[in-house]
Amino acid sequence: MIQVFVTGGTFDKEYNYITGELYFKDTHLKEMFDRGRCEVDIDIKTLMMMDSLSMRDEDLAIISYNCLKTPNDRIIITHGTDRMVETARVLAEAQIEGKTIVLTGAMIPYAFGNSSDGFFNLGSALAFAQVLPPGVYVVMNGRYFHWNRVRKNRQLGSFEEIQDNEDANFQESL
């Protein structure tokens, strides 16, 4: 069974057509797995519904604790993209042994329909969670990245691998 932890992020945001604001209501995960005709055993648990920019150390501790305590060794975490790499680092430093942890998210809310990358990223995360060895990964845009070899490129709106010569500078910036 794959454990799915929901933390919010753009993935689950709704759009208020009157005010133009994005907000949280409920997760879309069950609908997405049903719509994708998922045949993998999954357990969905909502830990929080928040923008990752609002996450504090206490929220990261909740995510870590749940990853540690779940009996499942394959975990997907839906997460906001702005702080996804930071959360991946916290999980890696927690040294949660023998589990494959995959963080994924969306640049455009699932509620926006066909323009959202959320459905594709969730499917990719589900596939990678089943085949990657234990460790912490970020899965976006059909690719997987090791937690310490990835960054969000805000200019391009995608995630990219960090090259060897960039690694030391990136780690210092965290």
C-alpha atoms as a PDB file:
ATOM      1  CA  MET A   1       0.000   0.000   0.000  1.00  0.00           C
ATOM      2  CA  ILE A   2       1.135   3.535  -0.734  1.00  0.00           C
ATOM      3  CA  GLN A   3       0.591   6.157   1.941  1.00  0.00           C
ATOM      4  CA  VAL A   4      -0.444   9.552   0.562  1.00  0.00           C
ATOM      5  CA  PHE A   5      -0.101  12.577   2.821  1.00  0.00           C
ATOM      6  CA  VAL A   6      -1.843  15.794   1.798  1.00  0.00           C
ATOM      7  CA  THR A   7      -0.313  19.075   2.961  1.00  0.00           C
ATOM      8  CA  GLY A   8      -2.020  21.532   0.598  1.00  0.00           C
ATOM      9  CA  GLY A   9      -0.112  23.726  -1.820  1.00  0.00           C
ATOM     10  CA  THR A  10      -1.284  24.911  -5.203  1.00  0.00           C
ATOM     11  CA  PHE A  11      -2.304  21.316  -5.917  1.00  0.00           C
ATOM     12  CA  ASP A  12      -5.456  21.656  -3.799  1.00  0.00           C
ATOM     13  CA  LYS A  13      -6.263  25.343  -4.154  1.00  0.00           C
ATOM     14  CA  GLU A  14      -9.654  26.537  -5.351  1.00  0.00           C
ATOM     15  CA  TYR A  15     -10.352  29.776  -7.199  1.00  0.00           C
ATOM     16  CA  ASN A  16     -12.888  32.323  -5.978  1.00  0.00           C
ATOM     17  CA  TYR A  17     -14.297  33.786  -9.181  1.00  0.00           C
ATOM     18  CA  ILE A  18     -15.697  36.833  -7.358  1.00  0.00           C
ATOM     19  CA  THR A  19     -12.593  37.949  -5.423  1.00  0.00           C
ATOM     20  CA  GLY A  20      -9.996  36.338  -7.674  1.00  0.00           C
ATOM     21  CA  GLU A  21      -8.305  34.742  -4.654  1.00  0.00           C
ATOM     22  CA  LEU A  22      -7.048  31.209  -4.247  1.00  0.00           C
ATOM     23  CA  TYR A  23      -8.150  29.306  -1.141  1.00  0.00           C
ATOM     24  CA  PHE A  24      -8.355  25.809   0.343  1.00  0.00           C
ATOM     25  CA  LYS A  25     -11.553  23.786   0.692  1.00  0.00           C
ATOM     26  CA  ASP A  26     -10.943  20.033   0.420  1.00  0.00           C
ATOM     27  CA  THR A  27      -8.308  17.888  -1.196  1.00  0.00           C
ATOM     28  CA  HIS A  28      -8.854  16.693  -4.758  1.00  0.00           C
ATOM     29  CA  LEU A  29      -6.751  13.568  -4.308  1.00  0.00           C
ATOM     30  CA  LYS A  30      -9.507  10.958  -4.057  1.00  0.00           C
ATOM     31  CA  GLU A  31     -11.204  12.383  -7.147  1.00  0.00           C
ATOM     32  CA  MET A  32      -7.906  12.422  -9.012  1.00  0.00           C
ATOM     33  CA  PHE A  33      -7.062   8.810  -8.182  1.00  0.00           C
ATOM     34  CA  ASP A  34     -10.608   7.760  -9.114  1.00  0.00           C
ATOM     35  CA  ARG A  35     -10.516   9.738 -12.363  1.00  0.00           C
ATOM     36  CA  GLY A  36      -7.153   8.188 -13.228  1.00  0.00           C
ATOM     37  CA  ARG A  37      -8.636   4.730 -12.579  1.00  0.00           C
ATOM     38  CA  CYS A  38      -5.894   4.001 -10.058  1.00  0.00           C
ATOM     39  CA  GLU A  39      -5.667   0.312  -9.188  1.00  0.00           C
ATOM     40  CA  VAL A  40      -2.892   0.708  -6.622  1.00  0.00           C
ATOM     41  CA  ASP A  41      -3.821   0.358  -2.958  1.00  0.00           C
ATOM     42  CA  ILE A  42      -3.520   3.814  -1.436  1.00  0.00           C
ATOM     43  CA  ASP A  43      -4.330   5.399   1.903  1.00  0.00           C
ATOM     44  CA  ILE A  44      -4.955   9.155   1.755  1.00  0.00           C
ATOM     45  CA  LYS A  45      -4.509  11.184   4.939  1.00  0.00           C
ATOM     46  CA  THR A  46      -4.772  14.964   5.110  1.00  0.00           C
ATOM     47  CA  LEU A  47      -2.126  16.374   7.453  1.00  0.00           C
ATOM     48  CA  MET A  48      -2.814  20.044   6.708  1.00  0.00           C
ATOM     49  CA  MET A  49      -4.148  22.294   3.966  1.00  0.00           C
ATOM     50  CA  MET A  50      -1.778  25.222   3.636  1.00  0.00           C
ATOM     51  CA  ASP A  51       0.480  27.125   1.317  1.00  0.00           C
ATOM     52  CA  SER A  52       4.042  25.906   1.777  1.00  0.00           C
ATOM     53  CA  LEU A  53       5.228  29.492   2.259  1.00  0.00           C
ATOM     54  CA  SER A  54       3.221  29.479   5.509  1.00  0.00           C
ATOM     55  CA  MET A  55       4.790  26.264   6.844  1.00  0.00           C
ATOM     56  CA  ARG A  56       6.655  26.496  10.121  1.00  0.00           C
ATOM     57  CA  ASP A  57       9.000  24.079  11.860  1.00  0.00           C
ATOM     58  CA  GLU A  58       5.996  22.585  13.684  1.00  0.00           C
ATOM     59  CA  ASP A  59       4.348  21.717  10.368  1.00  0.00           C
ATOM     60  CA  LEU A  60       7.523  20.076   9.080  1.00  0.00           C
ATOM     61  CA  ALA A  61       7.675  18.076  12.317  1.00  0.00           C
ATOM     62  CA  ILE A  62       4.119  16.813  11.707  1.00  0.00           C
ATOM     63  CA  ILE A  63       5.078  15.666   8.209  1.00  0.00           C
ATOM     64  CA  SER A  64       8.244  13.945   9.466  1.00  0.00           C
ATOM     65  CA  TYR A  65       6.412  12.270  12.354  1.00  0.00           C
ATOM     66  CA  ASN A  66       3.732  10.855  10.052  1.00  0.00           C
ATOM     67  CA  CYS A  67       6.323   9.552   7.583  1.00  0.00           C
ATOM     68  CA  LEU A  68       8.144   7.848  10.426  1.00  0.00           C
ATOM     69  CA  LYS A  69       5.024   6.343  12.026  1.00  0.00           C
ATOM     70  CA  THR A  70       3.179   5.055   8.970  1.00  0.00           C
ATOM     71  CA  PRO A  71       3.633   1.294   8.533  1.00  0.00           C
ATOM     72  CA  ASN A  72       3.766   1.830   4.768  1.00  0.00           C
ATOM     73  CA  ASP A  73       7.215   2.039   3.197  1.00  0.00           C
ATOM     74  CA  ARG A  74       6.078   3.922   0.071  1.00  0.00           C
ATOM     75  CA  ILE A  75       4.923   7.498   0.690  1.00  0.00           C
ATOM     76  CA  ILE A  76       3.697  10.337  -1.542  1.00  0.00           C
ATOM     77  CA  ILE A  77       3.383  13.836  -0.112  1.00  0.00           C
ATOM     78  CA  THR A  78       1.447  16.491  -2.019  1.00  0.00           C
ATOM     79  CA  HIS A  79       3.098  19.786  -1.209  1.00  0.00           C
ATOM     80  CA  GLY A  80       3.434  23.393  -2.302  1.00  0.00           C
ATOM     81  CA  THR A  81       6.261  23.891  -4.758  1.00  0.00           C
ATOM     82  CA  ASP A  82       7.812  26.954  -3.104  1.00  0.00           C
ATOM     83  CA  ARG A  83       9.147  25.042  -0.089  1.00  0.00           C
ATOM     84  CA  MET A  84       9.082  21.477  -1.425  1.00  0.00           C
ATOM     85  CA  VAL A  85      12.867  21.165  -1.585  1.00  0.00           C
ATOM     86  CA  GLU A  86      13.204  22.424   1.996  1.00  0.00           C
ATOM     87  CA  THR A  87      10.714  19.835   3.259  1.00  0.00           C
ATOM     88  CA  ALA A  88      12.550  17.124   1.298  1.00  0.00           C
ATOM     89  CA  ARG A  89      15.776  18.163   3.051  1.00  0.00           C
ATOM     90  CA  VAL A  90      14.096  18.008   6.483  1.00  0.00           C
ATOM     91  CA  LEU A  91      12.787  14.507   5.727  1.00  0.00           C
ATOM     92  CA  ALA A  92      16.181  13.327   4.504  1.00  0.00           C
ATOM     93  CA  GLU A  93      17.883  14.711   7.604  1.00  0.00           C
ATOM     94  CA  ALA A  94      15.313  12.891   9.777  1.00  0.00           C
ATOM     95  CA  GLN A  95      16.884   9.665   8.460  1.00  0.00           C
ATOM     96  CA  ILE A  96      13.641   7.772   8.051  1.00  0.00           C
ATOM     97  CA  GLU A  97      15.046   4.337   7.217  1.00  0.00           C
ATOM     98  CA  GLY A  98      13.745   1.939   4.596  1.00  0.00           C
ATOM     99  CA  LYS A  99      11.065   4.193   3.092  1.00  0.00           C
ATOM    100  CA  THR A 100      10.649   5.750  -0.320  1.00  0.00           C
ATOM    101  CA  ILE A 101       9.291   9.277   0.132  1.00  0.00           C
ATOM    102  CA  VAL A 102       8.161  11.226  -2.937  1.00  0.00           C
ATOM    103  CA  LEU A 103       7.100  14.876  -2.780  1.00  0.00           C
ATOM    104  CA  THR A 104       5.050  16.301  -5.635  1.00  0.00           C
ATOM    105  CA  GLY A 105       2.920  19.328  -6.341  1.00  0.00           C
ATOM    106  CA  ALA A 106       1.536  21.567  -9.042  1.00  0.00           C
ATOM    107  CA  MET A 107       2.269  24.977 -10.490  1.00  0.00           C
ATOM    108  CA  ILE A 108      -1.391  25.373 -11.500  1.00  0.00           C
ATOM    109  CA  PRO A 109      -4.295  24.201  -9.282  1.00  0.00           C
ATOM    110  CA  TYR A 110      -6.045  20.963 -10.263  1.00  0.00           C
ATOM    111  CA  ALA A 111      -9.333  22.900 -10.053  1.00  0.00           C
ATOM    112  CA  PHE A 112      -8.231  24.868 -13.147  1.00  0.00           C
ATOM    113  CA  GLY A 113      -8.866  21.769 -15.258  1.00  0.00           C
ATOM    114  CA  ASN A 114      -6.809  20.819 -18.287  1.00  0.00           C
ATOM    115  CA  SER A 115      -4.283  23.602 -17.762  1.00  0.00           C
ATOM    116  CA  SER A 116      -3.131  22.066 -14.442  1.00  0.00           C
ATOM    117  CA  ASP A 117       0.002  19.977 -14.232  1.00  0.00           C
ATOM    118  CA  GLY A 118      -1.269  18.377 -11.003  1.00  0.00           C
ATOM    119  CA  PHE A 119      -2.847  15.308 -12.562  1.00  0.00           C
ATOM    120  CA  PHE A 120       0.305  14.464 -14.518  1.00  0.00           C
ATOM    121  CA  ASN A 121       2.570  15.091 -11.506  1.00  0.00           C
ATOM    122  CA  LEU A 122       0.413  12.891  -9.256  1.00  0.00           C
ATOM    123  CA  GLY A 123       0.522  10.033 -11.762  1.00  0.00           C
ATOM    124  CA  SER A 124       4.275  10.399 -12.103  1.00  0.00           C
ATOM    125  CA  ALA A 125       4.678  10.418  -8.316  1.00  0.00           C
ATOM    126  CA  LEU A 126       2.579   7.260  -8.010  1.00  0.00           C
ATOM    127  CA  ALA A 127       4.743   5.463 -10.577  1.00  0.00           C
ATOM    128  CA  PHE A 128       8.068   6.641  -9.128  1.00  0.00           C
ATOM    129  CA  ALA A 129       6.991   5.811  -5.560  1.00  0.00           C
ATOM    130  CA  GLN A 130       6.551   2.196  -6.630  1.00  0.00           C
ATOM    131  CA  VAL A 131       9.946   1.754  -8.266  1.00  0.00           C
ATOM    132  CA  LEU A 132      12.494   4.049  -6.606  1.00  0.00           C
ATOM    133  CA  PRO A 133      14.680   2.656  -3.819  1.00  0.00           C
ATOM    134  CA  PRO A 134      14.354   4.020  -0.277  1.00  0.00           C
ATOM    135  CA  GLY A 135      15.204   7.714  -0.067  1.00  0.00           C
ATOM    136  CA  VAL A 136      13.642  11.144  -0.441  1.00  0.00           C
ATOM    137  CA  TYR A 137      12.741  12.468  -3.880  1.00  0.00           C
ATOM    138  CA  VAL A 138      10.991  15.359  -5.591  1.00  0.00           C
ATOM    139  CA  VAL A 139       8.851  14.400  -8.588  1.00  0.00           C
ATOM    140  CA  MET A 140       7.742  17.127 -10.957  1.00  0.00           C
ATOM    141  CA  ASN A 141       7.256  17.458 -14.715  1.00  0.00           C
ATOM    142  CA  GLY A 142       7.595  13.704 -15.315  1.00  0.00           C
ATOM    143  CA  ARG A 143      11.054  13.560 -13.712  1.00  0.00           C
ATOM    144  CA  TYR A 144      12.352  12.480 -10.349  1.00  0.00           C
ATOM    145  CA  PHE A 145      15.149  14.229  -8.492  1.00  0.00           C
ATOM    146  CA  HIS A 146      17.142  13.258  -5.417  1.00  0.00           C
ATOM    147  CA  TRP A 147      16.274  15.630  -2.571  1.00  0.00           C
ATOM    148  CA  ASN A 148      19.732  17.230  -2.572  1.00  0.00           C
ATOM    149  CA  ARG A 149      20.083  17.539  -6.357  1.00  0.00           C
ATOM    150  CA  VAL A 150      17.040  19.676  -7.217  1.00  0.00           C
ATOM    151  CA  ARG A 151      15.820  23.251  -7.184  1.00  0.00           C
ATOM    152  CA  LYS A 152      12.795  25.143  -8.368  1.00  0.00           C
ATOM    153  CA  ASN A 153      13.586  27.409 -11.284  1.00  0.00           C
ATOM    154  CA  ARG A 154      11.168  30.265 -10.709  1.00  0.00           C
ATOM    155  CA  GLN A 155      11.947  31.880 -14.076  1.00  0.00           C
ATOM    156  CA  LEU A 156      11.014  28.752 -16.028  1.00  0.00           C
ATOM    157  CA  GLY A 157       8.304  27.518 -13.648  1.00  0.00           C
ATOM    158  CA  SER A 158       9.785  24.037 -13.390  1.00  0.00           C
ATOM    159  CA  PHE A 159      12.185  21.939 -11.352  1.00  0.00           C
ATOM    160  CA  GLU A 160      15.695  21.166 -12.473  1.00  0.00           C
ATOM    161  CA  GLU A 161      18.619  19.048 -11.438  1.00  0.00           C
ATOM    162  CA  ILE A 162      21.556  20.737  -9.760  1.00  0.00           C
ATOM    163  CA  GLN A 163      24.842  20.133 -11.552  1.00  0.00           C
ATOM    164  CA  ASP A 164      27.957  19.049  -9.632  1.00  0.00           C
ATOM    165  CA  ASN A 165      29.620  22.463  -9.780  1.00  0.00           C
ATOM    166  CA  GLU A 166      26.459  24.120  -8.440  1.00  0.00           C
ATOM    167  CA  ASP A 167      25.967  21.716  -5.530  1.00  0.00           C
ATOM    168  CA  ALA A 168      28.119  23.465  -2.907  1.00  0.00           C
ATOM    169  CA  ASN A 169      26.601  26.893  -3.588  1.00  0.00           C
ATOM    170  CA  PHE A 170      23.062  25.515  -3.484  1.00  0.00           C
ATOM    171  CA  GLN A 171      23.559  23.672  -0.188  1.00  0.00           C
ATOM    172  CA  GLU A 172      24.926  26.859   1.390  1.00  0.00           C
ATOM    173  CA  SER A 173      21.822  28.789   0.294  1.00  0.00           C
ATOM    174  CA  LEU A 174      19.482  26.427   2.171  1.00  0.00           C
END
